Amino acid sequence: MLLEQNKSDYLLDLEYKYPIVEMFHSIQGEGFWSGENAFFIRLAGCDVFCPWCDQKETWTMKKYPLLTLANIKNNLINIDTKHIIITGGEPLLHDLFPLTKMLKNLGYKTHIETSGSHPFSGEFDWVTFSPKPYKLPKENIYNYVSELKVVINDEKDFIFAESEAEKLSHNIPKYLQPQWENSASQQLIFNYILHHPQWRLSLQTHKFIQVR
């Protein structure tokens, strides 16, 4: 892990490698930036193991190619957006300072989606914090959060959501998102928000319109 005090001196090594599941240009489907034109970099590796995860293929790093920063940079050619979203898997399994330093040097706005279950690294303009009860967040994540997004599968998930919200500033946007495979969770959230107006509804709009 790169020490915080040394990050500004980090020498950009274009041969630094990350396990890449996929990279694609689409729209952000969830949360505060829903509908935004964005380029996604999905990193392999996750040890949170949510039972309802819709990206279980990302849990292992073994079957994915290790791409250099130069490879990633080449994939950005002719992409008409300045919004880069780093996701997974759990991207904080990796040291993200080299990747975000390169993206910042190229003039991109950096955004991460994370459970916060590993030490924070990287330089981000926006942090989507999506904590999971299966592997609890590290304490330092709360200093970086831009929005809170909690997936709701059943009633007990509201208790977890509220416990995480209490650790954040009241003015941070807070979202409840239905578990896609459980249609009953939509009604649970609808009813909950009617009585808890500090929360907003997040829908996976990319799934409704059937795009990545």
Protein backbone atom coordinates (compact mmCIF):
# COMPACT_ATOMS: atom_id res chain seq x y z
CA MET A 1 0.00 0.00 0.00
CA LEU A 2 1.40 3.38 -1.00
CA LEU A 3 1.72 5.69 2.00
CA GLU A 4 -0.55 8.76 1.90
CA GLN A 5 2.33 11.18 2.41
CA ASN A 6 4.21 9.76 -0.58
CA LYS A 7 1.40 9.65 -3.10
CA SER A 8 2.28 13.01 -4.68
CA ASP A 9 5.80 11.68 -5.37
CA TYR A 10 4.57 8.48 -6.97
CA LEU A 11 6.43 7.87 -10.24
CA LEU A 12 3.94 6.97 -12.94
CA ASP A 13 4.88 3.55 -14.31
CA LEU A 14 2.88 2.80 -17.45
CA GLU A 15 3.78 -0.88 -17.03
CA TYR A 16 1.94 -1.09 -13.69
CA LYS A 17 -0.72 -3.81 -14.12
CA TYR A 18 -4.28 -4.48 -13.00
CA PRO A 19 -6.54 -7.54 -13.55
CA ILE A 20 -9.25 -6.23 -15.85
CA VAL A 21 -12.63 -7.94 -16.22
CA GLU A 22 -13.92 -5.44 -18.76
CA MET A 23 -13.79 -1.84 -19.89
CA PHE A 24 -16.75 -0.23 -21.63
CA HIS A 25 -18.44 3.06 -22.44
CA SER A 26 -22.03 3.33 -21.22
CA ILE A 27 -24.21 5.33 -18.84
CA GLN A 28 -24.13 5.21 -15.08
CA GLY A 29 -27.26 3.35 -14.10
CA GLU A 30 -27.35 3.86 -10.33
CA GLY A 31 -27.21 6.45 -7.59
CA PHE A 32 -26.42 10.15 -7.77
CA TRP A 33 -24.90 10.11 -11.27
CA SER A 34 -27.61 7.94 -12.83
CA GLY A 35 -27.92 8.75 -16.52
CA GLU A 36 -24.39 10.18 -16.79
CA ASN A 37 -22.18 9.32 -19.74
CA ALA A 38 -19.23 7.35 -18.28
CA PHE A 39 -16.43 4.92 -19.04
CA PHE A 40 -16.22 1.90 -16.73
CA ILE A 41 -13.10 0.03 -15.66
CA ARG A 42 -14.12 -3.19 -13.88
CA LEU A 43 -11.33 -4.75 -11.83
CA ALA A 44 -11.22 -8.42 -10.87
CA GLY A 45 -11.14 -9.67 -7.32
CA CYS A 46 -13.62 -9.60 -4.44
CA ASP A 47 -13.73 -11.21 -1.00
CA VAL A 48 -17.05 -9.77 0.20
CA PHE A 49 -19.07 -12.63 -1.34
CA CYS A 50 -22.58 -11.18 -1.30
CA PRO A 51 -24.92 -14.16 -1.87
CA TRP A 52 -27.04 -12.17 -4.36
CA CYS A 53 -24.07 -10.62 -6.21
CA ASP A 54 -24.70 -10.00 -9.92
CA GLN A 55 -20.98 -9.95 -10.68
CA LYS A 56 -19.81 -13.24 -9.17
CA GLU A 57 -17.55 -13.78 -12.16
CA THR A 58 -15.38 -10.95 -10.80
CA TRP A 59 -14.60 -12.69 -7.51
CA THR A 60 -11.47 -14.39 -8.85
CA MET A 61 -8.49 -12.60 -10.37
CA LYS A 62 -6.98 -15.72 -11.94
CA LYS A 63 -8.84 -15.83 -15.24
CA TYR A 64 -8.48 -12.18 -16.22
CA PRO A 65 -5.63 -10.51 -18.10
CA LEU A 66 -3.21 -8.19 -16.34
CA LEU A 67 -3.30 -4.96 -18.33
CA THR A 68 -0.78 -2.18 -18.00
CA LEU A 69 -1.64 1.46 -17.50
CA ALA A 70 -0.57 1.96 -21.09
CA ASN A 71 -3.10 -0.69 -22.20
CA ILE A 72 -5.85 1.05 -20.22
CA LYS A 73 -4.87 4.43 -21.64
CA ASN A 74 -5.16 3.04 -25.18
CA ASN A 75 -8.76 1.98 -24.46
CA LEU A 76 -9.66 5.59 -23.73
CA ILE A 77 -8.84 6.81 -27.22
CA ASN A 78 -11.89 8.33 -28.95
CA ILE A 79 -14.11 7.81 -25.87
CA ASP A 80 -16.30 10.90 -25.54
CA THR A 81 -16.50 11.28 -21.75
CA LYS A 82 -14.37 12.63 -18.92
CA HIS A 83 -16.11 10.50 -16.25
CA ILE A 84 -14.24 7.29 -15.37
CA ILE A 85 -15.85 4.84 -12.94
CA ILE A 86 -13.62 2.22 -11.31
CA THR A 87 -15.65 -0.71 -10.07
CA GLY A 88 -15.45 -4.47 -9.52
CA GLY A 89 -15.46 -6.81 -7.78
CA GLU A 90 -13.97 -4.84 -4.94
CA PRO A 91 -11.52 -2.35 -6.48
CA LEU A 92 -9.86 -1.47 -3.16
CA LEU A 93 -8.17 -4.86 -3.20
CA HIS A 94 -5.70 -3.04 -5.46
CA ASP A 95 -3.43 -0.05 -5.02
CA LEU A 96 -5.35 2.51 -7.06
CA PHE A 97 -2.90 5.42 -6.82
CA PRO A 98 -1.09 4.53 -10.08
CA LEU A 99 -4.35 4.19 -12.03
CA THR A 100 -5.96 7.34 -10.70
CA LYS A 101 -2.75 9.34 -11.09
CA MET A 102 -2.66 8.42 -14.78
CA LEU A 103 -6.34 9.27 -15.24
CA LYS A 104 -5.92 12.58 -13.45
CA ASN A 105 -2.92 13.42 -15.63
CA LEU A 106 -5.13 12.80 -18.66
CA GLY A 107 -7.81 15.16 -17.33
CA TYR A 108 -10.43 12.61 -16.30
CA LYS A 109 -12.87 12.83 -13.38
CA THR A 110 -12.32 9.73 -11.23
CA HIS A 111 -15.11 7.86 -9.47
CA ILE A 112 -14.99 4.63 -7.45
CA GLU A 113 -17.74 2.23 -6.39
CA THR A 114 -16.62 0.29 -3.30
CA SER A 115 -17.80 -1.58 -0.24
CA GLY A 116 -14.96 0.05 1.71
CA SER A 117 -13.86 -3.34 3.00
CA HIS A 118 -10.16 -2.69 2.28
CA PRO A 119 -7.87 0.28 2.99
CA PHE A 120 -8.61 3.28 0.82
CA SER A 121 -6.22 4.17 -1.99
CA GLY A 122 -6.33 6.45 -5.01
CA GLU A 123 -7.36 10.03 -5.73
CA PHE A 124 -11.07 10.34 -6.48
CA ASP A 125 -13.52 13.10 -7.29
CA TRP A 126 -16.45 10.93 -6.22
CA VAL A 127 -16.76 7.91 -3.92
CA THR A 128 -19.85 5.73 -4.08
CA PHE A 129 -19.83 3.80 -0.81
CA SER A 130 -21.89 0.62 -0.91
CA PRO A 131 -21.19 -1.21 2.37
CA LYS A 132 -22.09 -4.86 2.85
CA PRO A 133 -22.76 -6.72 6.11
CA TYR A 134 -20.81 -9.74 4.81
CA LYS A 135 -17.45 -7.92 5.17
CA LEU A 136 -17.62 -4.72 7.16
CA PRO A 137 -16.02 -1.46 5.98
CA LYS A 138 -12.68 -0.15 7.19
CA GLU A 139 -13.01 2.92 9.39
CA ASN A 140 -11.07 5.23 7.09
CA ILE A 141 -13.63 4.97 4.26
CA TYR A 142 -16.05 7.34 6.02
CA ASN A 143 -13.70 10.29 5.44
CA TYR A 144 -14.00 9.91 1.67
CA VAL A 145 -17.68 9.12 1.03
CA SER A 146 -19.61 11.22 -1.53
CA GLU A 147 -22.77 9.10 -1.54
CA LEU A 148 -24.08 6.10 0.39
CA LYS A 149 -25.83 3.30 -1.50
CA VAL A 150 -27.15 0.25 0.36
CA VAL A 151 -28.67 -2.77 -1.36
CA ILE A 152 -31.83 -3.97 0.36
CA ASN A 153 -32.84 -7.61 0.20
CA ASP A 154 -35.02 -7.88 3.32
CA GLU A 155 -36.13 -5.93 6.40
CA LYS A 156 -32.93 -6.45 8.41
CA ASP A 157 -30.94 -4.60 5.74
CA PHE A 158 -32.61 -1.35 6.80
CA ILE A 159 -31.00 -1.70 10.23
CA PHE A 160 -27.59 -2.06 8.60
CA ALA A 161 -28.27 0.88 6.28
CA GLU A 162 -29.19 3.16 9.17
CA SER A 163 -26.13 2.11 11.16
CA GLU A 164 -23.89 3.09 8.23
CA ALA A 165 -25.75 6.35 7.60
CA GLU A 166 -25.15 7.39 11.22
CA LYS A 167 -21.41 7.42 10.53
CA LEU A 168 -21.74 9.97 7.72
CA SER A 169 -22.60 13.64 7.44
CA HIS A 170 -26.33 14.31 7.16
CA ASN A 171 -25.88 16.13 3.83
CA ILE A 172 -24.38 13.14 2.00
CA PRO A 173 -26.95 11.64 -0.44
CA LYS A 174 -28.22 8.31 0.86
CA TYR A 175 -29.74 5.67 -1.42
CA LEU A 176 -31.56 2.40 -0.95
CA GLN A 177 -31.36 0.05 -3.91
CA PRO A 178 -33.53 -3.04 -4.48
CA GLN A 179 -31.83 -6.40 -4.77
CA TRP A 180 -32.48 -7.10 -8.46
CA GLU A 181 -33.41 -10.78 -8.04
CA ASN A 182 -35.90 -10.02 -5.26
CA SER A 183 -38.86 -8.02 -6.57
CA ALA A 184 -40.35 -7.76 -3.07
CA SER A 185 -37.45 -5.52 -2.06
CA GLN A 186 -38.81 -2.75 -4.29
CA GLN A 187 -42.00 -2.45 -2.25
CA LEU A 188 -40.05 -2.66 1.01
CA ILE A 189 -37.95 0.32 -0.03
CA PHE A 190 -40.93 2.28 -1.34
CA ASN A 191 -42.72 1.92 1.98
CA TYR A 192 -39.58 2.70 3.98
CA ILE A 193 -38.74 5.92 2.14
CA LEU A 194 -42.28 7.22 2.66
CA HIS A 195 -41.52 7.23 6.40
CA HIS A 196 -37.78 8.00 6.20
CA PRO A 197 -37.40 10.98 3.85
CA GLN A 198 -33.64 11.23 4.35
CA TRP A 199 -33.32 8.26 1.98
CA ARG A 200 -33.63 8.22 -1.82
CA LEU A 201 -34.44 5.36 -4.19
CA SER A 202 -31.71 4.06 -6.51
CA LEU A 203 -32.73 1.84 -9.43
CA GLN A 204 -30.43 -0.11 -11.74
CA THR A 205 -31.72 1.64 -14.82
CA HIS A 206 -29.15 0.01 -17.10
CA LYS A 207 -30.82 -3.34 -16.38
CA PHE A 208 -34.27 -1.98 -17.22
CA ILE A 209 -33.08 -0.72 -20.59
CA GLN A 210 -30.82 -3.78 -21.05
CA VAL A 211 -27.43 -2.18 -21.52
CA ARG A 212 -24.17 -2.79 -19.72
